[in-house]
């Protein structure tokens, strides 16, 4: 299901919406969410995932940096990101106070 806010966001960026269904999982770095900026990127969905990876601050290559979480819980952890969750695979989002950056990154679609 795509919310009105998500549809508007996709329209703003000229993107055909791709729903982030609540029963799908995202990768989220829960321990980093207090750090800024908030980052999100979307790979192609596969095997029960929505393709989203979300973290705060700097990205880490630590093996347990991301944890799986059903998208239905994102409103509890990253409510400011909800309007962007229908962006298609290949899109990135960076949120910080007084800063919103949204851009397409074709490298996310390379297999």
Protein backbone atom coordinates (compact mmCIF):
# COMPACT_ATOMS: atom_id res chain seq x y z
CA UNK A 1 0.00 0.00 0.00
CA UNK A 2 1.30 3.42 -0.93
CA UNK A 3 0.34 6.38 1.26
CA UNK A 4 -0.58 9.82 -0.10
CA UNK A 5 2.72 11.20 1.24
CA UNK A 6 4.65 8.45 -0.54
CA UNK A 7 2.77 9.05 -3.80
CA UNK A 8 3.52 12.79 -3.57
CA UNK A 9 7.20 12.12 -2.89
CA UNK A 10 7.45 9.82 -5.90
CA UNK A 11 5.67 12.38 -8.06
CA UNK A 12 8.10 15.08 -6.88
CA UNK A 13 11.07 13.00 -8.05
CA UNK A 14 9.40 11.59 -11.16
CA UNK A 15 9.49 8.02 -9.86
CA UNK A 16 6.93 5.27 -10.39
CA UNK A 17 6.13 4.15 -6.83
CA UNK A 18 7.15 0.69 -5.62
CA UNK A 19 5.37 -0.21 -2.39
CA UNK A 20 7.34 -1.16 0.69
CA UNK A 21 4.89 -3.73 2.00
CA UNK A 22 4.66 -3.93 5.82
CA UNK A 23 5.35 -7.67 5.95
CA UNK A 24 8.64 -7.34 4.05
CA UNK A 25 11.92 -6.94 5.90
CA UNK A 26 14.41 -4.09 5.72
CA UNK A 27 17.99 -3.99 6.93
CA UNK A 28 18.29 -1.39 9.68
CA UNK A 29 21.22 -0.44 11.89
CA UNK A 30 19.22 0.13 15.07
CA UNK A 31 22.25 1.09 17.20
CA UNK A 32 23.16 3.91 14.79
CA UNK A 33 19.80 5.65 14.46
CA UNK A 34 20.64 8.40 16.98
CA UNK A 35 23.45 9.57 14.70
CA UNK A 36 22.99 12.01 11.84
CA UNK A 37 22.42 12.05 8.99
CA UNK A 38 19.80 9.35 8.55
CA UNK A 39 20.62 7.37 5.40
CA UNK A 40 18.54 4.97 3.35
CA UNK A 41 19.12 3.19 0.09
CA UNK A 42 17.04 0.70 -1.86
CA UNK A 43 18.30 -2.35 -3.71
CA UNK A 44 15.96 -4.60 -5.68
CA UNK A 45 13.55 -6.48 -3.39
CA UNK A 46 14.26 -10.19 -3.07
CA UNK A 47 13.53 -13.15 -0.80
CA UNK A 48 11.03 -11.40 1.47
CA UNK A 49 12.89 -8.09 1.68
CA UNK A 50 11.83 -4.63 0.55
CA UNK A 51 15.39 -3.81 -0.55
CA UNK A 52 15.79 -0.93 1.93
CA UNK A 53 18.87 -0.48 4.12
CA UNK A 54 18.69 2.24 6.76
CA UNK A 55 21.34 3.64 9.11
CA UNK A 56 22.42 6.77 10.94
CA UNK A 57 25.81 8.45 10.64
CA UNK A 58 28.58 6.59 8.86
CA UNK A 59 28.03 3.28 7.10
CA UNK A 60 29.93 0.39 8.65
CA UNK A 61 31.10 -2.86 7.12
CA UNK A 62 30.79 -4.64 10.48
CA UNK A 63 29.07 -8.01 9.96
CA UNK A 64 26.20 -7.28 12.38
CA UNK A 65 25.71 -3.60 11.52
CA UNK A 66 22.27 -4.21 9.99
CA UNK A 67 19.47 -6.17 11.63
CA UNK A 68 16.32 -7.42 9.88
CA UNK A 69 13.10 -5.62 10.78
CA UNK A 70 9.63 -5.81 9.27
CA UNK A 71 8.75 -2.59 7.46
CA UNK A 72 5.59 -2.35 9.59
CA UNK A 73 7.81 -1.22 12.51
CA UNK A 74 9.58 1.60 10.70
CA UNK A 75 7.13 4.19 12.00
CA UNK A 76 8.51 3.48 15.50
CA UNK A 77 12.16 3.92 14.53
CA UNK A 78 12.37 6.26 11.53
CA UNK A 79 9.04 8.10 11.08
CA UNK A 80 10.70 10.84 9.01
CA UNK A 81 11.65 8.30 6.38
CA UNK A 82 8.10 7.01 5.78
CA UNK A 83 7.28 9.43 2.91
CA UNK A 84 10.27 8.08 0.94
CA UNK A 85 9.63 4.35 1.26
CA UNK A 86 7.83 4.00 -2.10
CA UNK A 87 10.86 5.24 -4.01
CA UNK A 88 11.93 2.56 -6.45
CA UNK A 89 15.05 0.44 -6.18
CA UNK A 90 18.12 2.49 -7.07
CA UNK A 91 17.18 5.50 -4.94
CA UNK A 92 18.94 6.97 -1.91
CA UNK A 93 17.76 9.34 0.81
CA UNK A 94 19.74 11.43 3.29
CA UNK A 95 17.88 13.28 6.06
CA UNK A 96 19.36 15.73 8.56
CA UNK A 97 18.07 18.90 10.22
CA UNK A 98 17.36 21.42 7.44
CA UNK A 99 18.66 18.96 4.83
CA UNK A 100 16.89 16.49 2.54
CA UNK A 101 18.76 14.87 -0.31
CA UNK A 102 17.12 12.33 -2.61
CA UNK A 103 18.91 10.93 -5.64
CA UNK A 104 19.04 8.00 -8.03
CA UNK A 105 22.15 5.82 -7.80
CA UNK A 106 22.31 3.33 -10.70
CA UNK A 107 25.11 1.43 -8.92
CA UNK A 108 22.47 0.06 -6.53
CA UNK A 109 20.90 -1.84 -9.43
CA UNK A 110 24.08 -3.61 -10.54
CA UNK A 111 23.99 -7.28 -9.66
